[in-house]
Amino acid sequence: MKKLNYIKSKAVVFNADDVDTDQIIPARFLKRTTRDGYGDALFHDLRFNQDGSVNSTHPLNVSKEGKEILVTGRNFGCGSSR
């Protein structure tokens, strides 16, 4: 692996604390046998309303064109040992 010296990108700011792994990718989406195709599951229960419509206020549903960095609050990825 090459040493990372510099990253230039726009960022998505998801200003939430204590985001656990079940919020990042809900467990019901972890039945795949490959590592591909998890993008639609990312923050699924936060990005979509109960009726399946898009939650237009979630930062990942606002223009993310060209944004490759996710800035989060404290304790991101807490929870289960996955």
Protein backbone atom coordinates (compact mmCIF):
# COMPACT_ATOMS: atom_id res chain seq x y z
CA MET A 1 0.00 0.00 0.00
CA LYS A 2 1.30 3.43 -0.94
CA LYS A 3 1.68 6.08 1.73
CA LEU A 4 -1.14 8.63 1.64
CA ASN A 5 0.25 12.16 1.58
CA TYR A 6 -2.55 14.34 0.28
CA ILE A 7 -6.28 14.16 -0.42
CA LYS A 8 -8.14 16.83 -2.36
CA SER A 9 -11.91 16.46 -2.38
CA LYS A 10 -15.12 18.08 -1.33
CA ALA A 11 -16.78 16.57 1.74
CA VAL A 12 -20.21 15.53 2.94
CA VAL A 13 -20.83 16.65 6.53
CA PHE A 14 -22.97 14.22 8.53
CA ASN A 15 -23.04 16.02 11.85
CA ALA A 16 -24.31 13.24 14.12
CA ASP A 17 -22.72 11.68 17.21
CA ASP A 18 -22.80 8.00 18.20
CA VAL A 19 -23.65 6.62 14.75
CA ASP A 20 -23.50 2.85 15.19
CA THR A 21 -22.81 0.15 12.62
CA ASP A 22 -26.50 -0.74 12.29
CA GLN A 23 -27.18 2.83 11.15
CA ILE A 24 -24.26 2.77 8.70
CA ILE A 25 -25.36 -0.49 7.00
CA PRO A 26 -28.47 -2.10 8.53
CA ALA A 27 -27.99 -5.82 9.28
CA ARG A 28 -30.74 -6.93 6.87
CA PHE A 29 -28.49 -5.85 3.97
CA LEU A 30 -25.55 -8.02 5.08
CA LYS A 31 -26.67 -11.22 3.36
CA ARG A 32 -24.62 -10.67 0.21
CA THR A 33 -21.81 -13.00 -0.69
CA THR A 34 -19.67 -10.30 -2.34
CA ARG A 35 -18.43 -6.92 -1.19
CA ASP A 36 -20.12 -5.11 -4.08
CA GLY A 37 -23.37 -3.20 -4.09
CA TYR A 38 -23.58 -1.83 -0.56
CA GLY A 39 -23.92 1.80 -1.66
CA ASP A 40 -27.73 1.65 -1.69
CA ALA A 41 -27.73 0.25 1.84
CA LEU A 42 -25.49 2.99 3.27
CA PHE A 43 -27.48 4.85 5.95
CA HIS A 44 -30.63 3.34 4.37
CA ASP A 45 -32.94 3.86 7.36
CA LEU A 46 -31.81 7.47 7.69
CA ARG A 47 -31.72 8.33 3.96
CA PHE A 48 -35.21 7.00 3.23
CA ASN A 49 -38.56 7.57 4.95
CA GLN A 50 -40.71 4.64 6.13
CA ASP A 51 -42.79 4.83 2.94
CA GLY A 52 -39.62 4.42 0.84
CA SER A 53 -39.46 8.03 -0.31
CA VAL A 54 -36.16 9.90 -0.17
CA ASN A 55 -35.44 11.88 3.00
CA SER A 56 -34.36 15.08 1.28
CA THR A 57 -32.77 16.47 4.46
CA HIS A 58 -30.15 13.71 4.86
CA PRO A 59 -26.70 14.98 3.82
CA LEU A 60 -26.08 12.01 1.50
CA ASN A 61 -29.26 12.83 -0.41
CA VAL A 62 -28.16 16.41 -1.02
CA SER A 63 -25.79 16.89 -3.95
CA LYS A 64 -22.78 14.69 -3.30
CA GLU A 65 -21.25 15.04 -6.75
CA GLY A 66 -17.47 14.94 -6.45
CA LYS A 67 -17.52 14.47 -2.68
CA GLU A 68 -15.34 11.61 -1.47
CA ILE A 69 -14.87 12.42 2.22
CA LEU A 70 -17.42 11.88 4.98
CA VAL A 71 -17.03 14.17 8.00
CA THR A 72 -18.92 12.89 11.04
CA GLY A 73 -19.50 13.59 14.69
CA ARG A 74 -17.83 11.81 17.59
CA ASN A 75 -17.94 8.03 18.16
CA PHE A 76 -18.72 7.15 14.52
CA GLY A 77 -18.94 3.40 13.89
CA CYS A 78 -19.70 2.43 17.49
CA GLY A 79 -21.78 -0.58 18.39
CA SER A 80 -21.43 -4.17 17.30
CA SER A 81 -18.15 -5.86 16.51
CA ARG A 82 -18.81 -6.10 12.77
